Amino acid sequence: MNKVYVLGGAQTDFERNWSREGKNIVAMLREVMSDGCQDADITYDDIISLNDEGRVACYVGSFLSELYNDQSHVGALMTEVNPAFFGMPSVRVEAACAAGAAAIDQAITKINAGEADVVIVVGWALLNTVDAATGAAYTARGTYVEKESKSTDGLPNLYSRMTDAYLEKYGVPADRVLKALAHLTETAYENGKRNPKAQTRKLFMNEKQANMRGCATNPIVAGKLAQSDSSQVTDGAAVVILASEEFKQKHCPNRTLPIIKGRGFRVAPMVLATKLAEARVSDYLLPWTRKTVEEAYKVAGLTVDDVDVFELYDYYTAGELIELGCVGLCKPGDECRLIEDGVIAFDGDKPVNPSGGLIGGGHPQSATGVRMLLDLYKQLTGTAGACQVPKEVRNGLMLNMGGSATSNYAFILGME
């Protein structure tokens, strides 16, 4: 791959409810773009000059905007943000909750092809426009609706089945797994308290509470999984600005910036039952997720030993648990040990989700993949503030998934 630099970016405060504030999509995008450009040390005048030369583009991650916001054609909606977007190639990218990562992948491809020097990647979701039950029904569109969502409770039920499949495949005692999941929840909330943009930073949750599944304050959502095992409904946007080596050397030659070292993208069978059937002949419960990560390591020429920090997709705690093996932190089935021994804690040897992840930080669906890359950028540049892990960070890996681990994207960001 050619060198693709991350110049910077920004995210909105994921605690905010934009509908309650009376603000719309354009207000959200204007705010995050203004903050992102400032962080990346790039102005709208710079973008206009690049646009005049045909050297800039924009990819917008967006999932379900027609349902939540009655709005399609959201790539073109960027022209409402600032006149700098007039004439700029700008298009929407969708891959369920991996829409943001899909937009990043397209941006890297655009720069690698030599077709742009700067690419703006935006992901956004304005979800608090409907009640929770309606929102859950909308999000189920990320599955095979006819075969799965119409006959089940949507994604919660699919993650519950994934949890049961994990227990059956590896023979780990259920009480040990559920305790480990509760610890993941506690860690997510603890990490979220360090994050000034996290949705749960004012909330409290510990392992004891998370283990009280089925009580009035922690109801079951599906199977063995409770409310504490899931992420929350979140409004928010995130932006990262990527650049070619040529632009970086001309525009900011003295800045030390991370580059995209590796990436992987694989699509697993859409139906969970098909995934689980495939898993019977693999060491991994999610073999295509594992292949995605292996691809990223191969492109980067790195192994898990070279990665210092991880941002994993904890839509549900069970998903994060399974992903620990997929990224190579342990053998499949041995994930509980990593949690019990503190390996993935904030101050552990391999910190996972120091931002709070989805459960602690928030999950504005299409923005999540972009937010993950932004948080890796902050760790690598030492600008993560209270979220900065207490160890040297040279490389970070993010894993974003859409559906029931259907669309899988992995990126490795590192210093040169």
Protein backbone atom coordinates (compact mmCIF):
# COMPACT_ATOMS: atom_id res chain seq x y z
CA MET A 1 0.00 0.00 0.00
CA ASN A 2 1.00 3.61 -0.53
CA LYS A 3 1.25 5.64 2.64
CA VAL A 4 -2.07 6.99 3.84
CA TYR A 5 -1.79 9.40 6.77
CA VAL A 6 -4.41 10.34 9.33
CA LEU A 7 -4.25 14.12 9.68
CA GLY A 8 -6.78 14.26 12.53
CA GLY A 9 -10.47 14.33 13.20
CA ALA A 10 -13.21 14.84 15.77
CA GLN A 11 -16.37 13.40 17.25
CA THR A 12 -19.43 14.96 18.80
CA ASP A 13 -20.38 14.43 22.41
CA PHE A 14 -22.15 11.05 22.34
CA GLU A 15 -24.16 11.94 25.45
CA ARG A 16 -26.18 14.53 23.53
CA ASN A 17 -29.71 13.98 22.25
CA TRP A 18 -29.83 16.14 19.14
CA SER A 19 -33.58 15.79 18.60
CA ARG A 20 -34.19 17.05 22.13
CA GLU A 21 -31.93 20.01 21.34
CA GLY A 22 -34.00 20.74 18.23
CA LYS A 23 -30.95 20.30 15.98
CA ASN A 24 -30.87 18.34 12.73
CA ILE A 25 -28.35 16.34 10.71
CA VAL A 26 -26.78 19.38 9.06
CA ALA A 27 -26.15 21.04 12.43
CA MET A 28 -24.41 17.87 13.62
CA LEU A 29 -22.28 17.64 10.48
CA ARG A 30 -21.31 21.31 10.56
CA GLU A 31 -20.13 21.00 14.15
CA VAL A 32 -18.09 17.84 13.68
CA MET A 33 -16.55 19.07 10.41
CA SER A 34 -15.49 22.36 12.02
CA ASP A 35 -13.86 20.53 14.92
CA GLY A 36 -12.31 17.91 12.62
CA CYS A 37 -10.73 20.44 10.30
CA GLN A 38 -9.28 22.34 13.25
CA ASP A 39 -7.77 19.16 14.69
CA ALA A 40 -6.34 18.14 11.31
CA ASP A 41 -4.91 21.62 10.73
CA ILE A 42 -6.75 22.02 7.46
CA THR A 43 -9.08 24.86 6.47
CA TYR A 44 -12.07 25.08 4.19
CA ASP A 45 -9.90 27.28 1.93
CA ASP A 46 -7.44 24.36 1.69
CA ILE A 47 -10.33 22.08 0.77
CA ILE A 48 -11.58 24.53 -1.88
CA SER A 49 -8.10 24.63 -3.45
CA LEU A 50 -7.92 20.82 -3.48
CA ASN A 51 -11.40 20.71 -4.98
CA ASP A 52 -10.39 23.11 -7.75
CA GLU A 53 -7.56 20.70 -8.58
CA GLY A 54 -9.81 17.62 -8.36
CA ARG A 55 -7.71 16.22 -5.50
CA VAL A 56 -10.26 15.83 -2.68
CA ALA A 57 -13.22 13.53 -2.02
CA CYS A 58 -15.65 12.64 0.74
CA TYR A 59 -17.17 9.33 1.86
CA VAL A 60 -20.12 9.35 4.24
CA GLY A 61 -20.98 6.28 6.33
CA SER A 62 -24.74 6.14 6.81
CA PHE A 63 -27.05 3.28 7.81
CA LEU A 64 -30.86 3.59 7.90
CA SER A 65 -31.04 7.38 7.43
CA GLU A 66 -34.20 6.88 5.35
CA LEU A 67 -35.95 5.32 8.34
CA TYR A 68 -34.58 7.35 11.23
CA ASN A 69 -34.34 10.69 9.41
CA ASP A 70 -36.46 10.43 6.25
CA GLN A 71 -33.34 11.32 4.26
CA SER A 72 -31.48 9.62 1.43
CA HIS A 73 -28.68 10.96 -0.79
CA VAL A 74 -26.62 11.87 2.26
CA GLY A 75 -23.35 12.11 0.33
CA ALA A 76 -24.77 15.13 -1.46
CA LEU A 77 -26.11 16.44 1.85
CA MET A 78 -22.54 17.51 2.65
CA THR A 79 -23.09 20.49 0.32
CA GLU A 80 -25.36 21.87 3.04
CA VAL A 81 -22.47 21.80 5.49
CA ASN A 82 -20.21 24.24 3.66
CA PRO A 83 -19.83 25.56 0.08
CA ALA A 84 -16.39 23.91 0.04
CA PHE A 85 -18.26 20.69 -0.74
CA PHE A 86 -19.84 22.13 -3.90
CA GLY A 87 -18.58 20.00 -6.79
CA MET A 88 -16.63 17.62 -4.54
CA PRO A 89 -17.10 13.88 -5.18
CA SER A 90 -19.07 12.83 -2.10
CA VAL A 91 -20.95 9.57 -1.76
CA ARG A 92 -22.70 7.51 0.87
CA VAL A 93 -21.31 4.11 1.92
CA GLU A 94 -23.39 1.53 3.81
CA ALA A 95 -22.54 -1.77 5.52
CA ALA A 96 -24.95 -1.82 8.47
CA CYS A 97 -23.10 -0.82 11.66
CA ALA A 98 -19.80 -1.09 9.77
CA ALA A 99 -20.78 1.80 7.49
CA GLY A 100 -18.10 4.04 8.98
CA ALA A 101 -15.38 1.45 8.44
CA ALA A 102 -16.61 0.88 4.89
CA ALA A 103 -16.23 4.61 4.24
CA ILE A 104 -12.67 4.49 5.60
CA ASP A 105 -11.88 1.56 3.31
CA GLN A 106 -13.14 3.49 0.28
CA ALA A 107 -11.12 6.53 1.27
CA ILE A 108 -7.90 4.52 1.52
CA THR A 109 -8.60 2.98 -1.88
CA LYS A 110 -9.14 6.44 -3.39
CA ILE A 111 -5.80 7.71 -2.11
CA ASN A 112 -3.96 4.50 -3.03
CA ALA A 113 -5.28 4.84 -6.59
CA GLY A 114 -3.73 8.31 -6.80
CA GLU A 115 -7.13 9.90 -7.39
CA ALA A 116 -7.10 12.18 -4.33
CA ASP A 117 -4.64 13.76 -1.93
CA VAL A 118 -7.15 14.34 0.85
CA VAL A 119 -10.26 12.33 1.66
CA ILE A 120 -12.77 13.32 4.31
CA VAL A 121 -14.53 10.42 6.03
CA VAL A 122 -17.69 11.15 7.98
CA GLY A 123 -19.98 8.78 9.85
CA TRP A 124 -23.14 9.90 11.58
CA ALA A 125 -26.35 8.64 13.16
CA LEU A 126 -29.31 10.54 14.54
CA LEU A 127 -31.20 7.72 16.28
CA ASN A 128 -33.26 9.38 19.01
CA THR A 129 -35.98 10.26 16.51
CA VAL A 130 -38.04 7.14 17.31
CA ASP A 131 -38.90 5.03 20.36
CA ALA A 132 -36.65 2.12 21.40
CA ALA A 133 -38.86 -0.64 19.98
CA THR A 134 -39.10 1.06 16.59
CA GLY A 135 -35.35 1.66 16.58
CA ALA A 136 -34.66 -2.02 17.31
CA ALA A 137 -36.91 -2.99 14.40
CA TYR A 138 -35.05 -0.57 12.13
CA THR A 139 -31.62 -1.86 13.18
CA ALA A 140 -32.75 -5.41 12.40
CA ARG A 141 -32.53 -4.39 8.72
CA GLY A 142 -28.82 -5.17 9.08
CA THR A 143 -29.75 -8.86 9.15
CA TYR A 144 -31.51 -10.97 6.52
CA VAL A 145 -34.94 -9.62 7.40
CA GLU A 146 -37.08 -12.28 5.73
CA LYS A 147 -35.13 -15.22 7.19
CA GLU A 148 -34.08 -13.80 10.54
CA SER A 149 -35.61 -10.59 11.84
CA LYS A 150 -39.24 -11.44 11.07
CA SER A 151 -38.99 -14.69 13.01
CA THR A 152 -36.73 -13.57 15.90
CA ASP A 153 -36.15 -10.55 18.11
CA GLY A 154 -33.52 -9.23 15.71
CA LEU A 155 -29.89 -8.65 16.62
CA PRO A 156 -30.24 -9.28 20.39
CA ASN A 157 -31.49 -12.77 19.68
CA LEU A 158 -28.73 -13.40 17.14
CA TYR A 159 -26.04 -12.37 19.63
CA SER A 160 -27.73 -14.57 22.22
CA ARG A 161 -27.49 -17.52 19.83
CA MET A 162 -23.85 -16.62 19.21
CA THR A 163 -23.26 -16.74 22.97
CA ASP A 164 -24.87 -20.19 23.23
CA ALA A 165 -22.79 -21.40 20.28
CA TYR A 166 -19.63 -20.18 22.04
CA LEU A 167 -20.52 -22.12 25.19
CA GLU A 168 -21.24 -25.27 23.20
CA LYS A 169 -18.18 -25.05 20.96
CA TYR A 170 -15.56 -24.43 23.64
CA GLY A 171 -17.15 -26.01 26.69
CA VAL A 172 -16.47 -23.04 28.94
CA PRO A 173 -18.78 -23.01 31.98
CA ALA A 174 -21.64 -20.58 31.49
CA ASP A 175 -21.18 -18.92 34.89
CA ARG A 176 -17.55 -18.17 34.08
CA VAL A 177 -18.47 -16.63 30.72
CA LEU A 178 -21.29 -14.54 32.19
CA LYS A 179 -18.99 -13.26 34.92
CA ALA A 180 -16.41 -12.34 32.28
CA LEU A 181 -19.09 -10.51 30.29
CA ALA A 182 -20.10 -8.58 33.41
CA HIS A 183 -16.47 -7.60 33.93
CA LEU A 184 -16.32 -6.33 30.33
CA THR A 185 -19.33 -4.13 31.11
CA GLU A 186 -17.69 -2.72 34.24
CA THR A 187 -14.49 -2.02 32.31
CA ALA A 188 -16.44 -0.27 29.54
CA TYR A 189 -18.11 2.06 32.04
CA GLU A 190 -14.85 2.70 33.90
CA ASN A 191 -13.10 3.60 30.66
CA GLY A 192 -16.07 5.73 29.60
CA LYS A 193 -15.68 7.87 32.72
CA ARG A 194 -12.25 8.95 31.42
CA ASN A 195 -13.71 9.99 28.08
CA PRO A 196 -15.16 13.52 27.92
CA LYS A 197 -17.25 12.53 24.86
CA ALA A 198 -18.58 9.20 26.22
CA GLN A 199 -22.31 8.59 26.55
CA THR A 200 -22.06 6.87 29.96
CA ARG A 201 -19.47 9.09 31.64
CA LYS A 202 -22.00 10.21 34.28
CA LEU A 203 -23.47 6.74 34.82
CA PHE A 204 -22.40 3.94 37.15
CA MET A 205 -22.18 0.23 36.48
CA ASN A 206 -20.04 -2.39 38.17
CA GLU A 207 -19.55 -6.12 37.75
CA LYS A 208 -21.93 -6.95 40.61
CA GLN A 209 -24.79 -5.01 39.01
CA ALA A 210 -24.04 -6.39 35.56
CA ASN A 211 -24.18 -9.92 36.99
CA MET A 212 -27.70 -9.30 38.32
CA ARG A 213 -29.24 -10.27 35.01
CA GLY A 214 -33.00 -10.55 34.96
CA CYS A 215 -33.70 -8.06 37.76
CA ALA A 216 -35.86 -4.97 37.32
CA THR A 217 -32.86 -2.71 36.69
CA ASN A 218 -31.03 -5.15 34.41
CA PRO A 219 -33.66 -6.99 32.39
CA ILE A 220 -32.87 -9.79 29.97
CA VAL A 221 -32.83 -8.67 26.35
CA ALA A 222 -32.38 -12.12 24.80
CA GLY A 223 -31.32 -15.52 26.12
CA LYS A 224 -28.51 -15.07 28.63
CA LEU A 225 -27.78 -11.46 27.64
CA ALA A 226 -29.12 -8.55 29.68
CA GLN A 227 -29.38 -4.83 29.19
CA SER A 228 -25.93 -4.40 30.75
CA ASP A 229 -24.45 -6.56 27.98
CA SER A 230 -25.57 -4.20 25.21
CA SER A 231 -24.67 -0.78 23.89
CA GLN A 232 -27.12 2.09 24.08
CA VAL A 233 -29.03 4.22 21.59
CA THR A 234 -26.69 7.05 20.63
CA ASP A 235 -26.76 10.20 18.52
CA GLY A 236 -23.44 11.32 17.14
CA ALA A 237 -20.98 11.92 14.34
CA ALA A 238 -17.27 11.39 13.81
CA VAL A 239 -14.86 12.53 11.11
CA VAL A 240 -11.31 11.60 10.17
CA ILE A 241 -9.28 13.28 7.44
CA LEU A 242 -6.87 11.10 5.48
CA ALA A 243 -4.07 12.29 3.21
CA SER A 244 -1.51 11.07 0.73
CA GLU A 245 2.21 11.18 1.45
CA GLU A 246 2.67 13.96 -1.09
CA PHE A 247 0.09 16.18 0.59
CA LYS A 248 1.46 15.45 4.06
CA GLN A 249 4.99 16.42 3.03
CA LYS A 250 3.79 19.67 1.44
CA HIS A 251 1.19 20.69 4.01
CA CYS A 252 2.66 19.55 7.34
CA PRO A 253 6.15 18.08 6.84
CA ASN A 254 7.11 18.51 10.49
CA ARG A 255 4.07 16.76 12.00
CA THR A 256 4.59 13.19 13.20
CA LEU A 257 1.47 11.37 12.06
CA PRO A 258 0.32 7.75 11.97
CA ILE A 259 -0.28 5.83 8.77
CA ILE A 260 -2.65 3.05 7.79
CA LYS A 261 -0.35 0.02 7.91
CA GLY A 262 -2.84 -2.77 7.25
CA ARG A 263 -6.46 -3.43 6.42
CA GLY A 264 -8.75 -6.37 5.90
CA PHE A 265 -12.32 -6.73 4.67
CA ARG A 266 -14.36 -9.92 4.46
CA VAL A 267 -18.10 -10.56 4.24
CA ALA A 268 -19.38 -13.64 6.05
CA PRO A 269 -22.65 -15.39 5.15
CA MET A 270 -25.47 -13.06 6.09
CA VAL A 271 -27.55 -15.64 7.94
CA LEU A 272 -26.20 -16.53 11.38
CA ALA A 273 -27.18 -20.19 11.06
CA THR A 274 -24.91 -20.47 8.01
CA LYS A 275 -22.06 -18.82 9.92
CA LEU A 276 -22.47 -21.25 12.80
CA ALA A 277 -22.54 -24.21 10.40
CA GLU A 278 -19.22 -23.04 8.91
CA ALA A 279 -17.77 -22.64 12.39
CA ARG A 280 -18.09 -26.38 13.01
CA VAL A 281 -15.07 -26.99 10.76
CA SER A 282 -13.02 -24.06 12.09
CA ASP A 283 -11.22 -23.35 15.34
CA TYR A 284 -12.98 -19.98 15.31
CA LEU A 285 -16.63 -19.29 15.96
CA LEU A 286 -16.36 -16.40 13.48
CA PRO A 287 -13.87 -17.65 10.88
CA TRP A 288 -14.44 -14.77 8.44
CA THR A 289 -13.80 -12.25 11.18
CA ARG A 290 -10.54 -14.05 11.89
CA LYS A 291 -9.61 -14.01 8.18
CA THR A 292 -10.29 -10.26 8.10
CA VAL A 293 -7.82 -9.67 10.93
CA GLU A 294 -5.25 -12.05 9.42
CA GLU A 295 -5.45 -10.07 6.20
CA ALA A 296 -4.77 -6.81 8.06
CA TYR A 297 -1.77 -8.34 9.85
CA LYS A 298 -0.42 -9.69 6.56
CA VAL A 299 -0.69 -6.35 4.75
CA ALA A 300 0.96 -4.57 7.68
CA GLY A 301 3.68 -7.20 8.06
CA LEU A 302 2.85 -7.33 11.78
CA THR A 303 1.52 -9.78 14.34
CA VAL A 304 -0.62 -9.35 17.42
CA ASP A 305 2.60 -8.99 19.43
CA ASP A 306 3.26 -5.70 17.61
CA VAL A 307 -0.13 -4.19 18.47
CA ASP A 308 -0.29 -2.11 21.64
CA VAL A 309 -3.96 -1.11 21.85
CA PHE A 310 -7.25 -2.35 20.36
CA GLU A 311 -10.66 -0.87 19.56
CA LEU A 312 -13.11 -3.76 19.25
CA TYR A 313 -16.78 -3.85 18.34
CA ASP A 314 -18.63 -4.44 21.60
CA TYR A 315 -22.19 -4.00 20.34
CA TYR A 316 -22.78 -6.80 22.87
CA THR A 317 -20.27 -8.03 25.42
CA ALA A 318 -20.47 -11.51 23.87
CA GLY A 319 -19.25 -10.09 20.58
CA GLU A 320 -16.23 -8.49 22.24
CA LEU A 321 -15.45 -11.75 24.05
CA ILE A 322 -15.40 -13.72 20.79
CA GLU A 323 -13.37 -11.04 19.01
CA LEU A 324 -10.53 -11.32 21.54
CA GLY A 325 -9.65 -14.68 20.00
CA CYS A 326 -10.26 -13.46 16.46
CA VAL A 327 -7.64 -10.71 16.79
CA GLY A 328 -5.14 -13.26 18.09
CA LEU A 329 -4.90 -12.24 21.74
CA CYS A 330 -5.52 -15.83 22.79
CA LYS A 331 -6.58 -19.21 21.51
CA PRO A 332 -10.30 -19.44 20.72
CA GLY A 333 -12.09 -20.51 23.89
CA ASP A 334 -9.48 -18.98 26.20
CA GLU A 335 -10.90 -15.44 26.16
CA CYS A 336 -12.09 -15.45 29.79
CA ARG A 337 -8.51 -15.77 30.99
CA LEU A 338 -7.56 -12.48 29.29
CA ILE A 339 -10.35 -10.73 31.15
CA GLU A 340 -9.70 -12.42 34.50
CA ASP A 341 -5.95 -11.73 34.37
CA GLY A 342 -6.37 -8.05 33.47
CA VAL A 343 -4.53 -8.40 30.15
CA ILE A 344 -7.03 -6.19 28.32
CA ALA A 345 -7.59 -3.69 31.15
CA PHE A 346 -6.78 0.01 30.70
CA ASP A 347 -3.42 -0.55 32.38
CA GLY A 348 -2.98 -4.07 31.06
CA ASP A 349 -0.50 -5.43 28.56
CA LYS A 350 -3.03 -5.25 25.70
CA PRO A 351 -5.63 -2.58 26.49
CA VAL A 352 -8.97 -2.98 24.70
CA ASN A 353 -11.41 -0.11 24.20
CA PRO A 354 -9.75 2.51 26.44
CA SER A 355 -12.28 4.92 24.92
CA GLY A 356 -15.12 2.99 26.56
CA GLY A 357 -15.97 1.26 23.30
CA LEU A 358 -19.59 1.04 22.22
CA ILE A 359 -20.99 0.06 25.63
CA GLY A 360 -19.20 2.77 27.58
CA GLY A 361 -18.58 5.35 24.87
CA GLY A 362 -21.74 5.04 22.78
CA HIS A 363 -22.76 3.51 19.46
CA PRO A 364 -24.10 5.95 16.88
CA GLN A 365 -24.09 3.06 14.38
CA SER A 366 -22.58 4.59 11.21
CA ALA A 367 -20.16 6.78 13.17
CA THR A 368 -18.65 3.93 15.19
CA GLY A 369 -16.02 2.78 12.69
CA VAL A 370 -14.82 6.36 12.17
CA ARG A 371 -14.75 6.97 15.91
CA MET A 372 -12.63 3.83 16.39
CA LEU A 373 -9.98 5.05 13.94
CA LEU A 374 -10.06 8.49 15.55
CA ASP A 375 -9.43 7.00 18.99
CA LEU A 376 -6.50 4.96 17.67
CA TYR A 377 -5.10 8.14 16.13
CA LYS A 378 -5.34 9.84 19.53
CA GLN A 379 -3.56 6.96 21.28
CA LEU A 380 -0.76 6.98 18.71
CA THR A 381 -0.26 10.76 18.81
CA GLY A 382 -0.48 10.96 22.60
CA THR A 383 -3.55 13.20 22.44
CA ALA A 384 -6.09 10.89 24.11
CA GLY A 385 -6.03 12.85 27.37
CA ALA A 386 -7.37 10.86 30.31
CA CYS A 387 -8.02 7.96 27.90
CA GLN A 388 -4.32 7.67 27.05
CA VAL A 389 -3.15 4.22 28.08
CA PRO A 390 -0.12 4.15 30.42
CA LYS A 391 2.24 2.48 27.94
CA GLU A 392 3.98 3.36 24.70
CA VAL A 393 1.68 2.96 21.72
CA ARG A 394 3.24 2.32 18.32
CA ASN A 395 0.45 0.36 16.63
CA GLY A 396 -3.27 -0.01 17.17
CA LEU A 397 -5.90 -2.29 15.64
CA MET A 398 -9.63 -1.67 15.17
CA LEU A 399 -12.31 -4.20 14.25
CA ASN A 400 -15.75 -3.00 13.13
CA MET A 401 -18.58 -5.37 12.20
CA GLY A 402 -22.01 -5.00 10.63
CA GLY A 403 -24.96 -7.31 11.22
CA SER A 404 -24.24 -10.53 13.08
CA ALA A 405 -20.49 -10.29 12.28
CA THR A 406 -21.37 -10.21 8.57
CA SER A 407 -19.40 -7.24 7.22
CA ASN A 408 -15.97 -7.33 8.86
CA TYR A 409 -13.40 -4.53 8.61
CA ALA A 410 -10.03 -4.39 10.35
CA PHE A 411 -7.47 -1.58 10.18
CA ILE A 412 -4.03 -1.29 11.74
CA LEU A 413 -2.85 2.25 12.38
CA GLY A 414 0.74 2.84 13.37
CA MET A 415 3.64 5.22 13.51
CA GLU A 416 6.18 5.05 10.69
